[in-house]
Amino acid sequence: MSKKRRGKETIVQCCSCGARVPRDKAVLYESPLVFKAEDPNKPDEVVVQTTTFRKRWYCVSCGKHRGIFQKKKRQQDMRRERRRE
């Protein structure tokens, strides 16, 4: 299915400041969580290691402040690539 382009977008809450932002405008940051299970008889060996990702939504200002979102840097990189071609 195609992306929904019109109408009301779902609202998410910023993890830092608590502002309510539309999901298409918010910055998504996925942080990895690693869970390890060790054998009690052999503490040096890791038996199971599972990685899951925690989704966190930030508003644009908090994303820029934390260094997650750098819009101007991306735009400059795109301009450089165009000039090289």
N, C-alpha and C. Protein backbone atom coordinates (compact mmCIF):
# COMPACT_ATOMS: atom_id res chain seq x y z
N MET A 1 0.84 -1.18 0.00
CA MET A 1 0.00 0.00 0.00
C MET A 1 0.87 1.24 0.00
N SER A 2 0.35 2.28 -0.57
CA SER A 2 1.10 3.53 -0.61
C SER A 2 0.95 4.29 0.71
N LYS A 3 1.85 5.23 0.90
CA LYS A 3 1.80 6.03 2.12
C LYS A 3 0.61 6.98 2.08
N LYS A 4 0.06 7.20 3.22
CA LYS A 4 -1.06 8.12 3.33
C LYS A 4 -0.51 9.55 3.29
N ARG A 5 -0.95 10.33 2.35
CA ARG A 5 -0.40 11.67 2.16
C ARG A 5 -1.30 12.79 2.69
N ARG A 6 -2.56 12.53 2.84
CA ARG A 6 -3.46 13.60 3.24
C ARG A 6 -4.25 13.19 4.47
N GLY A 7 -4.82 14.18 5.11
CA GLY A 7 -5.63 13.89 6.27
C GLY A 7 -4.85 14.08 7.56
N LYS A 8 -5.42 13.60 8.65
CA LYS A 8 -4.82 13.81 9.96
C LYS A 8 -3.76 12.75 10.24
N GLU A 9 -2.57 13.19 10.57
CA GLU A 9 -1.48 12.28 10.90
C GLU A 9 -1.54 11.97 12.40
N THR A 10 -1.09 10.78 12.80
CA THR A 10 -1.12 10.43 14.21
C THR A 10 -0.15 11.30 15.00
N ILE A 11 -0.50 11.59 16.22
CA ILE A 11 0.29 12.45 17.09
C ILE A 11 1.14 11.58 18.00
N VAL A 12 2.44 11.93 18.11
CA VAL A 12 3.34 11.24 19.03
C VAL A 12 3.87 12.27 20.02
N GLN A 13 4.34 11.78 21.15
CA GLN A 13 4.83 12.66 22.20
C GLN A 13 6.35 12.61 22.22
N CYS A 14 6.99 13.78 22.31
CA CYS A 14 8.44 13.88 22.36
C CYS A 14 8.94 13.27 23.66
N CYS A 15 10.00 12.44 23.59
CA CYS A 15 10.53 11.77 24.78
C CYS A 15 11.30 12.73 25.67
N SER A 16 11.74 13.84 25.14
CA SER A 16 12.55 14.77 25.91
C SER A 16 11.71 15.86 26.58
N CYS A 17 10.93 16.59 25.80
CA CYS A 17 10.21 17.74 26.37
C CYS A 17 8.72 17.47 26.55
N GLY A 18 8.19 16.41 25.93
CA GLY A 18 6.77 16.10 26.09
C GLY A 18 5.87 16.80 25.11
N ALA A 19 6.42 17.48 24.13
CA ALA A 19 5.59 18.16 23.14
C ALA A 19 4.89 17.13 22.26
N ARG A 20 3.69 17.48 21.82
CA ARG A 20 2.94 16.59 20.94
C ARG A 20 3.16 17.04 19.50
N VAL A 21 3.66 16.12 18.67
CA VAL A 21 4.09 16.45 17.32
C VAL A 21 3.47 15.44 16.36
N PRO A 22 3.08 15.85 15.13
CA PRO A 22 2.64 14.87 14.14
C PRO A 22 3.78 13.89 13.81
N ARG A 23 3.44 12.65 13.57
CA ARG A 23 4.45 11.61 13.39
C ARG A 23 5.33 11.85 12.17
N ASP A 24 4.78 12.43 11.10
CA ASP A 24 5.60 12.66 9.91
C ASP A 24 6.60 13.80 10.12
N LYS A 25 6.37 14.65 11.10
CA LYS A 25 7.30 15.75 11.39
C LYS A 25 8.32 15.37 12.46
N ALA A 26 8.00 14.41 13.30
CA ALA A 26 8.88 14.02 14.40
C ALA A 26 10.09 13.25 13.90
N VAL A 27 11.15 13.23 14.72
CA VAL A 27 12.39 12.52 14.40
C VAL A 27 12.39 11.20 15.14
N LEU A 28 12.57 10.09 14.40
CA LEU A 28 12.59 8.76 14.99
C LEU A 28 14.01 8.37 15.32
N TYR A 29 14.23 7.89 16.55
CA TYR A 29 15.55 7.42 16.97
C TYR A 29 15.37 6.04 17.57
N GLU A 30 16.05 5.07 17.00
CA GLU A 30 15.96 3.70 17.50
C GLU A 30 17.25 3.36 18.23
N SER A 31 17.15 3.10 19.52
CA SER A 31 18.33 2.76 20.31
C SER A 31 18.33 1.26 20.58
N PRO A 32 19.48 0.60 20.40
CA PRO A 32 19.51 -0.85 20.60
C PRO A 32 19.56 -1.22 22.08
N LEU A 33 18.84 -2.27 22.44
CA LEU A 33 18.88 -2.85 23.77
C LEU A 33 19.39 -4.28 23.63
N VAL A 34 20.46 -4.61 24.34
CA VAL A 34 21.05 -5.94 24.24
C VAL A 34 20.81 -6.68 25.55
N PHE A 35 20.20 -7.86 25.44
CA PHE A 35 19.96 -8.71 26.60
C PHE A 35 20.85 -9.93 26.47
N LYS A 36 21.55 -10.25 27.54
CA LYS A 36 22.44 -11.40 27.54
C LYS A 36 22.04 -12.35 28.67
N ALA A 37 22.04 -13.64 28.37
CA ALA A 37 21.78 -14.66 29.38
C ALA A 37 23.05 -15.49 29.53
N GLU A 38 23.51 -15.61 30.77
CA GLU A 38 24.74 -16.35 31.03
C GLU A 38 24.41 -17.66 31.74
N ASP A 39 25.24 -18.66 31.50
CA ASP A 39 25.10 -19.94 32.16
C ASP A 39 25.66 -19.81 33.58
N PRO A 40 24.89 -20.13 34.64
CA PRO A 40 25.42 -19.96 36.00
C PRO A 40 26.62 -20.86 36.31
N ASN A 41 26.72 -21.99 35.62
CA ASN A 41 27.85 -22.89 35.86
C ASN A 41 29.13 -22.38 35.20
N LYS A 42 28.97 -21.72 34.04
CA LYS A 42 30.12 -21.18 33.30
C LYS A 42 29.89 -19.68 33.08
N PRO A 43 30.32 -18.82 34.00
CA PRO A 43 30.01 -17.39 33.88
C PRO A 43 30.75 -16.70 32.73
N ASP A 44 31.78 -17.32 32.17
CA ASP A 44 32.53 -16.67 31.10
C ASP A 44 31.82 -16.77 29.75
N GLU A 45 30.95 -17.74 29.58
CA GLU A 45 30.28 -17.96 28.30
C GLU A 45 28.90 -17.31 28.29
N VAL A 46 28.59 -16.67 27.17
CA VAL A 46 27.26 -16.10 26.98
C VAL A 46 26.44 -17.09 26.17
N VAL A 47 25.31 -17.50 26.72
CA VAL A 47 24.48 -18.53 26.07
C VAL A 47 23.59 -17.90 25.01
N VAL A 48 22.83 -16.87 25.39
CA VAL A 48 21.88 -16.24 24.47
C VAL A 48 22.09 -14.74 24.51
N GLN A 49 22.12 -14.14 23.32
CA GLN A 49 22.21 -12.69 23.23
C GLN A 49 21.11 -12.21 22.28
N THR A 50 20.23 -11.35 22.78
CA THR A 50 19.11 -10.85 22.00
C THR A 50 19.20 -9.34 21.90
N THR A 51 18.99 -8.83 20.70
CA THR A 51 19.00 -7.39 20.49
C THR A 51 17.62 -6.94 20.04
N THR A 52 17.07 -5.97 20.73
CA THR A 52 15.82 -5.35 20.33
C THR A 52 16.06 -3.85 20.22
N PHE A 53 15.19 -3.17 19.50
CA PHE A 53 15.36 -1.74 19.30
C PHE A 53 14.19 -1.00 19.96
N ARG A 54 14.52 0.05 20.70
CA ARG A 54 13.51 0.88 21.34
C ARG A 54 13.28 2.10 20.45
N LYS A 55 12.05 2.33 20.07
CA LYS A 55 11.71 3.49 19.23
C LYS A 55 11.41 4.68 20.13
N ARG A 56 12.08 5.78 19.83
CA ARG A 56 11.83 7.02 20.56
C ARG A 56 11.58 8.12 19.55
N TRP A 57 10.57 8.94 19.85
CA TRP A 57 10.21 10.04 18.97
C TRP A 57 10.63 11.35 19.64
N TYR A 58 11.24 12.24 18.86
CA TYR A 58 11.65 13.56 19.34
C TYR A 58 11.08 14.62 18.43
N CYS A 59 10.78 15.79 19.01
CA CYS A 59 10.39 16.92 18.18
C CYS A 59 11.65 17.43 17.48
N VAL A 60 11.50 18.30 16.50
CA VAL A 60 12.63 18.74 15.70
C VAL A 60 13.65 19.49 16.55
N SER A 61 13.20 20.34 17.46
CA SER A 61 14.14 21.12 18.26
C SER A 61 14.94 20.23 19.21
N CYS A 62 14.31 19.23 19.84
CA CYS A 62 15.04 18.32 20.73
C CYS A 62 15.97 17.41 19.94
N GLY A 63 15.55 17.01 18.75
CA GLY A 63 16.40 16.18 17.91
C GLY A 63 17.65 16.92 17.48
N LYS A 64 17.51 18.20 17.17
CA LYS A 64 18.68 19.00 16.79
C LYS A 64 19.58 19.24 18.00
N HIS A 65 18.98 19.46 19.16
CA HIS A 65 19.76 19.72 20.38
C HIS A 65 20.57 18.50 20.80
N ARG A 66 20.00 17.32 20.65
CA ARG A 66 20.69 16.08 21.04
C ARG A 66 21.63 15.55 19.96
N GLY A 67 21.62 16.16 18.78
CA GLY A 67 22.52 15.74 17.71
C GLY A 67 22.01 14.56 16.91
N ILE A 68 20.73 14.23 17.04
CA ILE A 68 20.14 13.12 16.29
C ILE A 68 19.78 13.56 14.88
N PHE A 69 19.31 14.75 14.76
CA PHE A 69 18.76 15.26 13.51
C PHE A 69 19.61 16.44 13.06
N GLN A 70 20.18 16.34 11.86
CA GLN A 70 21.00 17.42 11.33
C GLN A 70 20.56 17.70 9.90
N LYS A 71 19.53 18.52 9.78
CA LYS A 71 18.95 18.79 8.47
C LYS A 71 19.92 19.55 7.57
N LYS A 72 20.55 20.58 8.11
CA LYS A 72 21.43 21.40 7.29
C LYS A 72 22.63 20.61 6.79
N LYS A 73 23.15 19.70 7.61
CA LYS A 73 24.28 18.89 7.19
C LYS A 73 23.89 17.99 6.02
N ARG A 74 22.71 17.41 6.06
CA ARG A 74 22.23 16.57 4.97
C ARG A 74 22.07 17.38 3.69
N GLN A 75 21.54 18.59 3.82
CA GLN A 75 21.35 19.43 2.65
C GLN A 75 22.69 19.80 2.02
N GLN A 76 23.69 20.09 2.84
CA GLN A 76 25.01 20.42 2.31
C GLN A 76 25.63 19.22 1.60
N ASP A 77 25.46 18.02 2.16
CA ASP A 77 25.99 16.82 1.52
C ASP A 77 25.33 16.58 0.16
N MET A 78 24.03 16.83 0.08
CA MET A 78 23.33 16.65 -1.19
C MET A 78 23.84 17.65 -2.22
N ARG A 79 24.10 18.88 -1.80
CA ARG A 79 24.61 19.89 -2.73
C ARG A 79 26.00 19.53 -3.23
N ARG A 80 26.84 19.00 -2.35
CA ARG A 80 28.18 18.58 -2.75
C ARG A 80 28.12 17.46 -3.78
N GLU A 81 27.21 16.50 -3.58
CA GLU A 81 27.08 15.39 -4.51
C GLU A 81 26.62 15.89 -5.88
N ARG A 82 25.73 16.87 -5.91
CA ARG A 82 25.26 17.41 -7.18
C ARG A 82 26.39 18.12 -7.91
N ARG A 83 27.25 18.83 -7.19
CA ARG A 83 28.34 19.56 -7.81
C ARG A 83 29.38 18.62 -8.40
N ARG A 84 29.57 17.47 -7.75
CA ARG A 84 30.55 16.51 -8.24
C ARG A 84 30.12 15.88 -9.56
N GLU A 85 28.82 15.73 -9.77
CA GLU A 85 28.33 15.07 -10.99
C GLU A 85 28.40 15.93 -12.20
